Amino acid sequence: KFLGLRGILVGTLVSVLLTSFWIEPYVLYKNGFERSSLDYYVSYFKYTAATILAIYVSTITSSHWPEYNITNLFIKLLIALIIPNLIFLILFHKTMEFKYFKDILYTLKIKNKFSS
C-alpha cells in the first residue's frame, strides 16, 4: 500500500528480472532447441541497447523544441517516428531478421500489385 501502483510495477519488474527472464529462455533453449541460450541473451542485450540509444537520441533531439504548441508537437512526432526507425535500420539492416521482414513486405507489395 505504501508504494501503490508504482510498487506493483517495480515488484513485477524485479520479480521478472530475477526469475523468468533468466530461467525460461534457459529451459527453452536447453530442452526445446537443444542449444545454448547465450545467443538469446546477446541478441536481447543488442536490442535493448539499440532501444536505449534510440530513446536517448530522440529525447535529446526533441529537447531542442521545449515549448508546448502544435508545431513543436508535430516536430516531436516526426522525431519520434524517424529517429528510432533510422537507428534500427542502420544497426540491423544486415541481420537475417531484417531481410526476412523485407522479403515479407516485398511479397505483400507484389500480391497487392496483382490483386488490384
PDB file of N, CA and C in Angstrom:
ATOM      1  N   LYS A   1       0.820  -1.200   0.000  1.00  0.00           N
ATOM      2  CA  LYS A   1       0.000   0.000   0.000  1.00  0.00           C
ATOM      3  C   LYS A   1       0.856   1.253   0.000  1.00  0.00           C
ATOM      4  N   PHE A   2       2.016   1.182   0.603  1.00  0.00           N
ATOM      5  CA  PHE A   2       2.873   2.363   0.734  1.00  0.00           C
ATOM      6  C   PHE A   2       3.284   2.907  -0.629  1.00  0.00           C
ATOM      7  N   LEU A   3       3.676   2.028  -1.561  1.00  0.00           N
ATOM      8  CA  LEU A   3       4.139   2.475  -2.877  1.00  0.00           C
ATOM      9  C   LEU A   3       3.030   2.532  -3.915  1.00  0.00           C
ATOM     10  N   GLY A   4       1.904   1.898  -3.641  1.00  0.00           N
ATOM     11  CA  GLY A   4       0.772   1.932  -4.563  1.00  0.00           C
ATOM     12  C   GLY A   4       1.072   1.227  -5.877  1.00  0.00           C
ATOM     13  N   LEU A   5       0.594   1.826  -6.957  1.00  0.00           N
ATOM     14  CA  LEU A   5       0.772   1.244  -8.290  1.00  0.00           C
ATOM     15  C   LEU A   5       2.247   1.156  -8.674  1.00  0.00           C
ATOM     16  N   ARG A   6       3.032   2.140  -8.281  1.00  0.00           N
ATOM     17  CA  ARG A   6       4.474   2.084  -8.564  1.00  0.00           C
ATOM     18  C   ARG A   6       5.103   0.860  -7.914  1.00  0.00           C
ATOM     19  N   GLY A   7       4.694   0.547  -6.709  1.00  0.00           N
ATOM     20  CA  GLY A   7       5.221  -0.634  -6.018  1.00  0.00           C
ATOM     21  C   GLY A   7       4.878  -1.920  -6.749  1.00  0.00           C
ATOM     22  N   ILE A   8       3.668  -1.988  -7.292  1.00  0.00           N
ATOM     23  CA  ILE A   8       3.270  -3.167  -8.064  1.00  0.00           C
ATOM     24  C   ILE A   8       4.132  -3.294  -9.309  1.00  0.00           C
ATOM     25  N   LEU A   9       4.318  -2.182 -10.028  1.00  0.00           N
ATOM     26  CA  LEU A   9       5.124  -2.218 -11.251  1.00  0.00           C
ATOM     27  C   LEU A   9       6.588  -2.547 -10.960  1.00  0.00           C
ATOM     28  N   VAL A  10       7.153  -1.927  -9.921  1.00  0.00           N
ATOM     29  CA  VAL A  10       8.544  -2.206  -9.560  1.00  0.00           C
ATOM     30  C   VAL A  10       8.688  -3.648  -9.089  1.00  0.00           C
ATOM     31  N   GLY A  11       7.752  -4.121  -8.285  1.00  0.00           N
ATOM     32  CA  GLY A  11       7.798  -5.507  -7.809  1.00  0.00           C
ATOM     33  C   GLY A  11       7.707  -6.503  -8.953  1.00  0.00           C
ATOM     34  N   THR A  12       6.828  -6.226  -9.900  1.00  0.00           N
ATOM     35  CA  THR A  12       6.705  -7.101 -11.069  1.00  0.00           C
ATOM     36  C   THR A  12       7.988  -7.098 -11.885  1.00  0.00           C
ATOM     37  N   LEU A  13       8.549  -5.918 -12.114  1.00  0.00           N
ATOM     38  CA  LEU A  13       9.791  -5.815 -12.869  1.00  0.00           C
ATOM     39  C   LEU A  13      10.921  -6.582 -12.179  1.00  0.00           C
ATOM     40  N   VAL A  14      11.067  -6.388 -10.890  1.00  0.00           N
ATOM     41  CA  VAL A  14      12.130  -7.066 -10.146  1.00  0.00           C
ATOM     42  C   VAL A  14      11.932  -8.580 -10.170  1.00  0.00           C
ATOM     43  N   SER A  15      10.702  -9.035  -9.962  1.00  0.00           N
ATOM     44  CA  SER A  15      10.466 -10.484  -9.944  1.00  0.00           C
ATOM     45  C   SER A  15      10.718 -11.122 -11.312  1.00  0.00           C
ATOM     46  N   VAL A  16      10.332 -10.416 -12.373  1.00  0.00           N
ATOM     47  CA  VAL A  16      10.578 -10.950 -13.722  1.00  0.00           C
ATOM     48  C   VAL A  16      12.074 -10.990 -14.008  1.00  0.00           C
ATOM     49  N   LEU A  17      12.790  -9.920 -13.660  1.00  0.00           N
ATOM     50  CA  LEU A  17      14.232  -9.880 -13.925  1.00  0.00           C
ATOM     51  C   LEU A  17      15.000 -10.913 -13.107  1.00  0.00           C
ATOM     52  N   LEU A  18      14.525 -11.216 -11.924  1.00  0.00           N
ATOM     53  CA  LEU A  18      15.238 -12.170 -11.077  1.00  0.00           C
ATOM     54  C   LEU A  18      14.855 -13.618 -11.329  1.00  0.00           C
ATOM     55  N   THR A  19      13.733 -13.867 -12.011  1.00  0.00           N
ATOM     56  CA  THR A  19      13.304 -15.254 -12.215  1.00  0.00           C
ATOM     57  C   THR A  19      13.102 -15.585 -13.686  1.00  0.00           C
ATOM     58  N   SER A  20      11.916 -15.300 -14.198  1.00  0.00           N
ATOM     59  CA  SER A  20      11.541 -15.799 -15.523  1.00  0.00           C
ATOM     60  C   SER A  20      12.376 -15.236 -16.661  1.00  0.00           C
ATOM     61  N   PHE A  21      12.938 -14.058 -16.518  1.00  0.00           N
ATOM     62  CA  PHE A  21      13.795 -13.514 -17.581  1.00  0.00           C
ATOM     63  C   PHE A  21      14.996 -14.415 -17.824  1.00  0.00           C
ATOM     64  N   TRP A  22      15.529 -15.018 -16.787  1.00  0.00           N
ATOM     65  CA  TRP A  22      16.715 -15.882 -16.913  1.00  0.00           C
ATOM     66  C   TRP A  22      16.347 -17.342 -17.095  1.00  0.00           C
ATOM     67  N   ILE A  23      15.334 -17.819 -16.374  1.00  0.00           N
ATOM     68  CA  ILE A  23      15.020 -19.250 -16.338  1.00  0.00           C
ATOM     69  C   ILE A  23      14.326 -19.730 -17.612  1.00  0.00           C
ATOM     70  N   GLU A  24      13.296 -19.027 -18.046  1.00  0.00           N
ATOM     71  CA  GLU A  24      12.514 -19.505 -19.187  1.00  0.00           C
ATOM     72  C   GLU A  24      13.330 -19.648 -20.475  1.00  0.00           C
ATOM     73  N   PRO A  25      14.127 -18.653 -20.877  1.00  0.00           N
ATOM     74  CA  PRO A  25      14.947 -18.859 -22.082  1.00  0.00           C
ATOM     75  C   PRO A  25      15.956 -19.990 -21.910  1.00  0.00           C
ATOM     76  N   TYR A  26      16.524 -20.099 -20.711  1.00  0.00           N
ATOM     77  CA  TYR A  26      17.493 -21.162 -20.463  1.00  0.00           C
ATOM     78  C   TYR A  26      16.856 -22.530 -20.664  1.00  0.00           C
ATOM     79  N   VAL A  27      15.682 -22.743 -20.067  1.00  0.00           N
ATOM     80  CA  VAL A  27      14.999 -24.036 -20.176  1.00  0.00           C
ATOM     81  C   VAL A  27      14.565 -24.285 -21.611  1.00  0.00           C
ATOM     82  N   LEU A  28      14.020 -23.271 -22.284  1.00  0.00           N
ATOM     83  CA  LEU A  28      13.573 -23.429 -23.666  1.00  0.00           C
ATOM     84  C   LEU A  28      14.734 -23.784 -24.589  1.00  0.00           C
ATOM     85  N   TYR A  29      15.824 -23.058 -24.474  1.00  0.00           N
ATOM     86  CA  TYR A  29      16.965 -23.324 -25.356  1.00  0.00           C
ATOM     87  C   TYR A  29      17.617 -24.661 -25.031  1.00  0.00           C
ATOM     88  N   LYS A  30      17.719 -24.999 -23.753  1.00  0.00           N
ATOM     89  CA  LYS A  30      18.371 -26.248 -23.378  1.00  0.00           C
ATOM     90  C   LYS A  30      17.523 -27.461 -23.764  1.00  0.00           C
ATOM     91  N   ASN A  31      16.242 -27.438 -23.425  1.00  0.00           N
ATOM     92  CA  ASN A  31      15.389 -28.615 -23.653  1.00  0.00           C
ATOM     93  C   ASN A  31      14.653 -28.568 -24.984  1.00  0.00           C
ATOM     94  N   GLY A  32      14.246 -27.387 -25.435  1.00  0.00           N
ATOM     95  CA  GLY A  32      13.480 -27.284 -26.670  1.00  0.00           C
ATOM     96  C   GLY A  32      14.344 -27.216 -27.905  1.00  0.00           C
ATOM     97  N   PHE A  33      15.315 -26.306 -27.899  1.00  0.00           N
ATOM     98  CA  PHE A  33      16.173 -26.124 -29.066  1.00  0.00           C
ATOM     99  C   PHE A  33      17.451 -26.941 -28.991  1.00  0.00           C
ATOM    100  N   GLU A  34      17.765 -27.428 -27.807  1.00  0.00           N
ATOM    101  CA  GLU A  34      18.981 -28.207 -27.555  1.00  0.00           C
ATOM    102  C   GLU A  34      20.240 -27.454 -27.979  1.00  0.00           C
ATOM    103  N   ARG A  35      20.303 -26.189 -27.583  1.00  0.00           N
ATOM    104  CA  ARG A  35      21.484 -25.361 -27.813  1.00  0.00           C
ATOM    105  C   ARG A  35      21.619 -24.351 -26.682  1.00  0.00           C
ATOM    106  N   SER A  36      22.697 -23.622 -26.694  1.00  0.00           N
ATOM    107  CA  SER A  36      22.968 -22.662 -25.630  1.00  0.00           C
ATOM    108  C   SER A  36      22.049 -21.450 -25.730  1.00  0.00           C
ATOM    109  N   SER A  37      21.675 -20.909 -24.595  1.00  0.00           N
ATOM    110  CA  SER A  37      20.827 -19.718 -24.573  1.00  0.00           C
ATOM    111  C   SER A  37      21.646 -18.436 -24.672  1.00  0.00           C
ATOM    112  N   LEU A  38      22.941 -18.551 -24.812  1.00  0.00           N
ATOM    113  CA  LEU A  38      23.808 -17.371 -24.886  1.00  0.00           C
ATOM    114  C   LEU A  38      23.438 -16.480 -26.074  1.00  0.00           C
ATOM    115  N   ASP A  39      23.114 -17.080 -27.221  1.00  0.00           N
ATOM    116  CA  ASP A  39      22.712 -16.295 -28.394  1.00  0.00           C
ATOM    117  C   ASP A  39      21.492 -15.432 -28.082  1.00  0.00           C
ATOM    118  N   TYR A  40      20.543 -15.999 -27.345  1.00  0.00           N
ATOM    119  CA  TYR A  40      19.346 -15.257 -26.973  1.00  0.00           C
ATOM    120  C   TYR A  40      19.704 -14.040 -26.128  1.00  0.00           C
ATOM    121  N   TYR A  41      20.544 -14.236 -25.126  1.00  0.00           N
ATOM    122  CA  TYR A  41      20.903 -13.141 -24.229  1.00  0.00           C
ATOM    123  C   TYR A  41      21.720 -12.072 -24.950  1.00  0.00           C
ATOM    124  N   VAL A  42      22.587 -12.465 -25.857  1.00  0.00           N
ATOM    125  CA  VAL A  42      23.363 -11.494 -26.631  1.00  0.00           C
ATOM    126  C   VAL A  42      22.432 -10.672 -27.522  1.00  0.00           C
ATOM    127  N   SER A  43      21.505 -11.334 -28.186  1.00  0.00           N
ATOM    128  CA  SER A  43      20.538 -10.622 -29.027  1.00  0.00           C
ATOM    129  C   SER A  43      19.673  -9.693 -28.190  1.00  0.00           C
ATOM    130  N   TYR A  44      19.229 -10.175 -27.048  1.00  0.00           N
ATOM    131  CA  TYR A  44      18.394  -9.367 -26.163  1.00  0.00           C
ATOM    132  C   TYR A  44      19.150  -8.119 -25.721  1.00  0.00           C
ATOM    133  N   PHE A  45      20.428  -8.280 -25.394  1.00  0.00           N
ATOM    134  CA  PHE A  45      21.249  -7.145 -24.987  1.00  0.00           C
ATOM    135  C   PHE A  45      21.409  -6.149 -26.139  1.00  0.00           C
ATOM    136  N   LYS A  46      21.639  -6.645 -27.361  1.00  0.00           N
ATOM    137  CA  LYS A  46      21.794  -5.755 -28.519  1.00  0.00           C
ATOM    138  C   LYS A  46      20.519  -4.958 -28.774  1.00  0.00           C
ATOM    139  N   TYR A  47      19.369  -5.630 -28.732  1.00  0.00           N
ATOM    140  CA  TYR A  47      18.108  -4.953 -28.986  1.00  0.00           C
ATOM    141  C   TYR A  47      17.793  -3.947 -27.875  1.00  0.00           C
ATOM    142  N   THR A  48      18.121  -4.301 -26.633  1.00  0.00           N
ATOM    143  CA  THR A  48      17.902  -3.373 -25.523  1.00  0.00           C
ATOM    144  C   THR A  48      18.804  -2.156 -25.656  1.00  0.00           C
ATOM    145  N   ALA A  49      20.064  -2.363 -25.992  1.00  0.00           N
ATOM    146  CA  ALA A  49      20.993  -1.244 -26.168  1.00  0.00           C
ATOM    147  C   ALA A  49      20.550  -0.354 -27.325  1.00  0.00           C
ATOM    148  N   ALA A  50      20.083  -0.942 -28.413  1.00  0.00           N
ATOM    149  CA  ALA A  50      19.610  -0.149 -29.556  1.00  0.00           C
ATOM    150  C   ALA A  50      18.375   0.669 -29.170  1.00  0.00           C
ATOM    151  N   THR A  51      17.492   0.089 -28.388  1.00  0.00           N
ATOM    152  CA  THR A  51      16.295   0.801 -27.947  1.00  0.00           C
ATOM    153  C   THR A  51      16.662   1.956 -27.028  1.00  0.00           C
ATOM    154  N   ILE A  52      17.580   1.720 -26.099  1.00  0.00           N
ATOM    155  CA  ILE A  52      18.030   2.792 -25.202  1.00  0.00           C
ATOM    156  C   ILE A  52      18.693   3.904 -26.000  1.00  0.00           C
ATOM    157  N   LEU A  53      19.504   3.550 -26.984  1.00  0.00           N
ATOM    158  CA  LEU A  53      20.136   4.549 -27.845  1.00  0.00           C
ATOM    159  C   LEU A  53      19.082   5.370 -28.601  1.00  0.00           C
ATOM    160  N   ALA A  54      18.073   4.694 -29.136  1.00  0.00           N
ATOM    161  CA  ALA A  54      17.019   5.392 -29.881  1.00  0.00           C
ATOM    162  C   ALA A  54      16.242   6.339 -28.966  1.00  0.00           C
ATOM    163  N   ILE A  55      15.951   5.892 -27.757  1.00  0.00           N
ATOM    164  CA  ILE A  55      15.252   6.754 -26.797  1.00  0.00           C
ATOM    165  C   ILE A  55      16.110   7.963 -26.450  1.00  0.00           C
ATOM    166  N   TYR A  56      17.385   7.720 -26.190  1.00  0.00           N
ATOM    167  CA  TYR A  56      18.295   8.798 -25.804  1.00  0.00           C
ATOM    168  C   TYR A  56      18.423   9.840 -26.922  1.00  0.00           C
ATOM    169  N   VAL A  57      18.679   9.392 -28.132  1.00  0.00           N
ATOM    170  CA  VAL A  57      18.865  10.323 -29.254  1.00  0.00           C
ATOM    171  C   VAL A  57      17.565  11.074 -29.538  1.00  0.00           C
ATOM    172  N   SER A  58      16.432  10.389 -29.483  1.00  0.00           N
ATOM    173  CA  SER A  58      15.149  11.055 -29.714  1.00  0.00           C
ATOM    174  C   SER A  58      14.853  12.083 -28.641  1.00  0.00           C
ATOM    175  N   THR A  59      15.147  11.737 -27.392  1.00  0.00           N
ATOM    176  CA  THR A  59      14.906  12.669 -26.288  1.00  0.00           C
ATOM    177  C   THR A  59      15.787  13.902 -26.398  1.00  0.00           C
ATOM    178  N   ILE A  60      17.069  13.694 -26.676  1.00  0.00           N
ATOM    179  CA  ILE A  60      17.988  14.819 -26.823  1.00  0.00           C
ATOM    180  C   ILE A  60      17.567  15.699 -27.996  1.00  0.00           C
ATOM    181  N   THR A  61      17.211  15.094 -29.098  1.00  0.00           N
ATOM    182  CA  THR A  61      16.825  15.856 -30.283  1.00  0.00           C
ATOM    183  C   THR A  61      15.533  16.636 -30.044  1.00  0.00           C
ATOM    184  N   SER A  62      14.550  16.007 -29.440  1.00  0.00           N
ATOM    185  CA  SER A  62      13.273  16.695 -29.228  1.00  0.00           C
ATOM    186  C   SER A  62      13.347  17.743 -28.123  1.00  0.00           C
ATOM    187  N   SER A  63      14.390  17.698 -27.296  1.00  0.00           N
ATOM    188  CA  SER A  63      14.517  18.701 -26.239  1.00  0.00           C
ATOM    189  C   SER A  63      14.882  20.083 -26.796  1.00  0.00           C
ATOM    190  N   HIS A  64      15.236  20.155 -28.065  1.00  0.00           N
ATOM    191  CA  HIS A  64      15.540  21.438 -28.686  1.00  0.00           C
ATOM    192  C   HIS A  64      14.276  22.249 -28.980  1.00  0.00           C
ATOM    193  N   TRP A  65      13.105  21.628 -28.821  1.00  0.00           N
ATOM    194  CA  TRP A  65      11.822  22.291 -29.014  1.00  0.00           C
ATOM    195  C   TRP A  65      11.016  22.184 -27.710  1.00  0.00           C
ATOM    196  N   PRO A  66      11.393  22.956 -26.687  1.00  0.00           N
ATOM    197  CA  PRO A  66      10.776  22.789 -25.367  1.00  0.00           C
ATOM    198  C   PRO A  66       9.381  23.402 -25.228  1.00  0.00           C
ATOM    199  N   GLU A  67       9.039  24.348 -26.062  1.00  0.00           N
ATOM    200  CA  GLU A  67       7.736  24.997 -25.930  1.00  0.00           C
ATOM    201  C   GLU A  67       6.621  24.028 -26.301  1.00  0.00           C
ATOM    202  N   TYR A  68       5.454  24.237 -25.689  1.00  0.00           N
ATOM    203  CA  TYR A  68       4.313  23.380 -25.958  1.00  0.00           C
ATOM    204  C   TYR A  68       3.342  24.102 -26.886  1.00  0.00           C
ATOM    205  N   ASN A  69       3.438  23.764 -28.159  1.00  0.00           N
ATOM    206  CA  ASN A  69       2.491  24.268 -29.148  1.00  0.00           C
ATOM    207  C   ASN A  69       2.329  23.206 -30.228  1.00  0.00           C
ATOM    208  N   ILE A  70       1.401  23.410 -31.116  1.00  0.00           N
ATOM    209  CA  ILE A  70       1.064  22.388 -32.111  1.00  0.00           C
ATOM    210  C   ILE A  70       2.210  22.133 -33.084  1.00  0.00           C
ATOM    211  N   THR A  71       2.965  23.166 -33.422  1.00  0.00           N
ATOM    212  CA  THR A  71       4.103  22.993 -34.336  1.00  0.00           C
ATOM    213  C   THR A  71       5.171  22.116 -33.706  1.00  0.00           C
ATOM    214  N   ASN A  72       5.513  22.400 -32.451  1.00  0.00           N
ATOM    215  CA  ASN A  72       6.529  21.595 -31.772  1.00  0.00           C
ATOM    216  C   ASN A  72       6.042  20.172 -31.522  1.00  0.00           C
ATOM    217  N   LEU A  73       4.743  20.019 -31.289  1.00  0.00           N
ATOM    218  CA  LEU A  73       4.191  18.667 -31.137  1.00  0.00           C
ATOM    219  C   LEU A  73       4.379  17.876 -32.426  1.00  0.00           C
ATOM    220  N   PHE A  74       4.115  18.513 -33.557  1.00  0.00           N
ATOM    221  CA  PHE A  74       4.291  17.858 -34.846  1.00  0.00           C
ATOM    222  C   PHE A  74       5.765  17.525 -35.093  1.00  0.00           C
ATOM    223  N   ILE A  75       6.659  18.437 -34.753  1.00  0.00           N
ATOM    224  CA  ILE A  75       8.098  18.191 -34.908  1.00  0.00           C
ATOM    225  C   ILE A  75       8.537  17.019 -34.041  1.00  0.00           C
ATOM    226  N   LYS A  76       8.066  17.001 -32.797  1.00  0.00           N
ATOM    227  CA  LYS A  76       8.430  15.900 -31.895  1.00  0.00           C
ATOM    228  C   LYS A  76       7.840  14.572 -32.370  1.00  0.00           C
ATOM    229  N   LEU A  77       6.671  14.603 -32.967  1.00  0.00           N
ATOM    230  CA  LEU A  77       6.082  13.400 -33.548  1.00  0.00           C
ATOM    231  C   LEU A  77       6.957  12.869 -34.670  1.00  0.00           C
ATOM    232  N   LEU A  78       7.404  13.748 -35.531  1.00  0.00           N
ATOM    233  CA  LEU A  78       8.292  13.331 -36.623  1.00  0.00           C
ATOM    234  C   LEU A  78       9.609  12.766 -36.089  1.00  0.00           C
ATOM    235  N   ILE A  79      10.149  13.412 -35.058  1.00  0.00           N
ATOM    236  CA  ILE A  79      11.380  12.914 -34.440  1.00  0.00           C
ATOM    237  C   ILE A  79      11.161  11.515 -33.883  1.00  0.00           C
ATOM    238  N   ALA A  80      10.032  11.333 -33.188  1.00  0.00           N
ATOM    239  CA  ALA A  80       9.737  10.036 -32.582  1.00  0.00           C
ATOM    240  C   ALA A  80       9.511   8.945 -33.623  1.00  0.00           C
ATOM    241  N   LEU A  81       9.074   9.324 -34.813  1.00  0.00           N
ATOM    242  CA  LEU A  81       8.862   8.342 -35.871  1.00  0.00           C
ATOM    243  C   LEU A  81      10.130   8.061 -36.678  1.00  0.00           C
ATOM    244  N   ILE A  82      10.891   9.088 -36.965  1.00  0.00           N
ATOM    245  CA  ILE A  82      12.020   8.949 -37.889  1.00  0.00           C
ATOM    246  C   ILE A  82      13.289   8.454 -37.196  1.00  0.00           C
ATOM    247  N   ILE A  83      13.677   9.074 -36.108  1.00  0.00           N
ATOM    248  CA  ILE A  83      14.978   8.761 -35.495  1.00  0.00           C
ATOM    249  C   ILE A  83      15.086   7.307 -35.022  1.00  0.00           C
ATOM    250  N   PRO A  84      14.124   6.780 -34.251  1.00  0.00           N
ATOM    251  CA  PRO A  84      14.280   5.376 -33.839  1.00  0.00           C
ATOM    252  C   PRO A  84      14.321   4.413 -35.020  1.00  0.00           C
ATOM    253  N   ASN A  85      13.458   4.648 -36.016  1.00  0.00           N
ATOM    254  CA  ASN A  85      13.456   3.757 -37.181  1.00  0.00           C
ATOM    255  C   ASN A  85      14.748   3.866 -37.972  1.00  0.00           C
ATOM    256  N   LEU A  86      15.297   5.050 -38.061  1.00  0.00           N
ATOM    257  CA  LEU A  86      16.577   5.235 -38.745  1.00  0.00           C
ATOM    258  C   LEU A  86      17.702   4.520 -37.993  1.00  0.00           C
ATOM    259  N   ILE A  87      17.712   4.638 -36.678  1.00  0.00           N
ATOM    260  CA  ILE A  87      18.737   3.957 -35.873  1.00  0.00           C
ATOM    261  C   ILE A  87      18.620   2.449 -36.037  1.00  0.00           C
ATOM    262  N   PHE A  88      17.394   1.926 -35.966  1.00  0.00           N
ATOM    263  CA  PHE A  88      17.204   0.477 -36.127  1.00  0.00           C
ATOM    264  C   PHE A  88      17.595   0.017 -37.525  1.00  0.00           C
ATOM    265  N   LEU A  89      17.289   0.832 -38.522  1.00  0.00           N
ATOM    266  CA  LEU A  89      17.668   0.496 -39.897  1.00  0.00           C
ATOM    267  C   LEU A  89      19.184   0.432 -40.041  1.00  0.00           C
ATOM    268  N   ILE A  90      19.875   1.426 -39.492  1.00  0.00           N
ATOM    269  CA  ILE A  90      21.339   1.461 -39.589  1.00  0.00           C
ATOM    270  C   ILE A  90      21.968   0.275 -38.855  1.00  0.00           C
ATOM    271  N   LEU A  91      21.448  -0.030 -37.663  1.00  0.00           N
ATOM    272  CA  LEU A  91      22.062  -1.083 -36.851  1.00  0.00           C
ATOM    273  C   LEU A  91      21.729  -2.491 -37.317  1.00  0.00           C
ATOM    274  N   PHE A  92      20.531  -2.693 -37.882  1.00  0.00           N
ATOM    275  CA  PHE A  92      20.071  -4.063 -38.129  1.00  0.00           C
ATOM    276  C   PHE A  92      19.786  -4.385 -39.592  1.00  0.00           C
ATOM    277  N   HIS A  93      20.191  -3.529 -40.533  1.00  0.00           N
ATOM    278  CA  HIS A  93      19.839  -3.782 -41.930  1.00  0.00           C
ATOM    279  C   HIS A  93      20.506  -5.021 -42.522  1.00  0.00           C
ATOM    280  N   LYS A  94      21.553  -5.515 -41.908  1.00  0.00           N
ATOM    281  CA  LYS A  94      22.227  -6.706 -42.439  1.00  0.00           C
ATOM    282  C   LYS A  94      21.830  -7.993 -41.719  1.00  0.00           C
ATOM    283  N   THR A  95      20.918  -7.896 -40.753  1.00  0.00           N
ATOM    284  CA  THR A  95      20.557  -9.087 -39.985  1.00  0.00           C
ATOM    285  C   THR A  95      19.596  -9.975 -40.768  1.00  0.00           C
ATOM    286  N   MET A  96      19.540 -11.221 -40.374  1.00  0.00           N
ATOM    287  CA  MET A  96      18.657 -12.186 -41.003  1.00  0.00           C
ATOM    288  C   MET A  96      17.193 -11.802 -40.781  1.00  0.00           C
ATOM    289  N   GLU A  97      16.874 -11.278 -39.594  1.00  0.00           N
ATOM    290  CA  GLU A  97      15.507 -10.893 -39.278  1.00  0.00           C
ATOM    291  C   GLU A  97      15.042  -9.738 -40.167  1.00  0.00           C
ATOM    292  N   PHE A  98      15.922  -8.774 -40.402  1.00  0.00           N
ATOM    293  CA  PHE A  98      15.574  -7.642 -41.256  1.00  0.00           C
ATOM    294  C   PHE A  98      15.329  -8.107 -42.686  1.00  0.00           C
ATOM    295  N   LYS A  99      16.174  -8.978 -43.186  1.00  0.00           N
ATOM    296  CA  LYS A  99      15.995  -9.489 -44.547  1.00  0.00           C
ATOM    297  C   LYS A  99      14.690 -10.271 -44.663  1.00  0.00           C
ATOM    298  N   TYR A 100      14.349 -11.032 -43.628  1.00  0.00           N
ATOM    299  CA  TYR A 100      13.094 -11.783 -43.614  1.00  0.00           C
ATOM    300  C   TYR A 100      11.906 -10.826 -43.664  1.00  0.00           C
ATOM    301  N   PHE A 101      11.941  -9.775 -42.839  1.00  0.00           N
ATOM    302  CA  PHE A 101      10.874  -8.786 -42.818  1.00  0.00           C
ATOM    303  C   PHE A 101      10.762  -8.066 -44.160  1.00  0.00           C
ATOM    304  N   LYS A 102      11.898  -7.735 -44.747  1.00  0.00           N
ATOM    305  CA  LYS A 102      11.909  -7.068 -46.051  1.00  0.00           C
ATOM    306  C   LYS A 102      11.292  -7.971 -47.119  1.00  0.00           C
ATOM    307  N   ASP A 103      11.600  -9.262 -47.078  1.00  0.00           N
ATOM    308  CA  ASP A 103      11.014 -10.206 -48.031  1.00  0.00           C
ATOM    309  C   ASP A 103       9.495 -10.296 -47.878  1.00  0.00           C
ATOM    310  N   ILE A 104       9.021 -10.260 -46.646  1.00  0.00           N
ATOM    311  CA  ILE A 104       7.574 -10.290 -46.408  1.00  0.00           C
ATOM    312  C   ILE A 104       6.927  -9.051 -47.005  1.00  0.00           C
ATOM    313  N   LEU A 105       7.509  -7.885 -46.751  1.00  0.00           N
ATOM    314  CA  LEU A 105       6.956  -6.651 -47.308  1.00  0.00           C
ATOM    315  C   LEU A 105       6.982  -6.661 -48.830  1.00  0.00           C
ATOM    316  N   TYR A 106       8.057  -7.177 -49.404  1.00  0.00           N
ATOM    317  CA  TYR A 106       8.167  -7.260 -50.861  1.00  0.00           C
ATOM    318  C   TYR A 106       7.094  -8.190 -51.420  1.00  0.00           C
ATOM    319  N   THR A 107       6.874  -9.319 -50.760  1.00  0.00           N
ATOM    320  CA  THR A 107       5.854 -10.267 -51.195  1.00  0.00           C
ATOM    321  C   THR A 107       4.463  -9.643 -51.111  1.00  0.00           C
ATOM    322  N   LEU A 108       4.195  -8.921 -50.032  1.00  0.00           N
ATOM    323  CA  LEU A 108       2.899  -8.256 -49.892  1.00  0.00           C
ATOM    324  C   LEU A 108       2.700  -7.196 -50.969  1.00  0.00           C
ATOM    325  N   LYS A 109       3.766  -6.486 -51.313  1.00  0.00           N
ATOM    326  CA  LYS A 109       3.676  -5.460 -52.351  1.00  0.00           C
ATOM    327  C   LYS A 109       3.350  -6.091 -53.700  1.00  0.00           C
ATOM    328  N   ILE A 110       3.979  -7.217 -54.010  1.00  0.00           N
ATOM    329  CA  ILE A 110       3.718  -7.899 -55.276  1.00  0.00           C
ATOM    330  C   ILE A 110       2.274  -8.422 -55.299  1.00  0.00           C
ATOM    331  N   LYS A 111       1.829  -9.001 -54.180  1.00  0.00           N
ATOM    332  CA  LYS A 111       0.442  -9.516 -54.132  1.00  0.00           C
ATOM    333  C   LYS A 111      -0.562  -8.384 -54.298  1.00  0.00           C
ATOM    334  N   ASN A 112      -0.311  -7.244 -53.680  1.00  0.00           N
ATOM    335  CA  ASN A 112      -1.212  -6.118 -53.804  1.00  0.00           C
ATOM    336  C   ASN A 112      -1.217  -5.551 -55.220  1.00  0.00           C
ATOM    337  N   LYS A 113      -0.065  -5.596 -55.882  1.00  0.00           N
ATOM    338  CA  LYS A 113       0.016  -5.083 -57.248  1.00  0.00           C
ATOM    339  C   LYS A 113      -0.839  -5.927 -58.185  1.00  0.00           C
ATOM    340  N   PHE A 114      -0.827  -7.276 -57.998  1.00  0.00           N
ATOM    341  CA  PHE A 114      -1.563  -8.166 -58.878  1.00  0.00           C
ATOM    342  C   PHE A 114      -3.034  -8.287 -58.492  1.00  0.00           C
ATOM    343  N   SER A 115      -3.377  -7.995 -57.248  1.00  0.00           N
ATOM    344  CA  SER A 115      -4.776  -8.131 -56.828  1.00  0.00           C
ATOM    345  C   SER A 115      -5.608  -6.898 -57.165  1.00  0.00           C
ATOM    346  N   SER A 116      -4.952  -5.764 -57.502  1.00  0.00           N
ATOM    347  CA  SER A 116      -5.733  -4.577 -57.817  1.00  0.00           C
ATOM    348  C   SER A 116      -6.075  -4.494 -59.269  1.00  0.00           C
TER     349      SER A 116
END
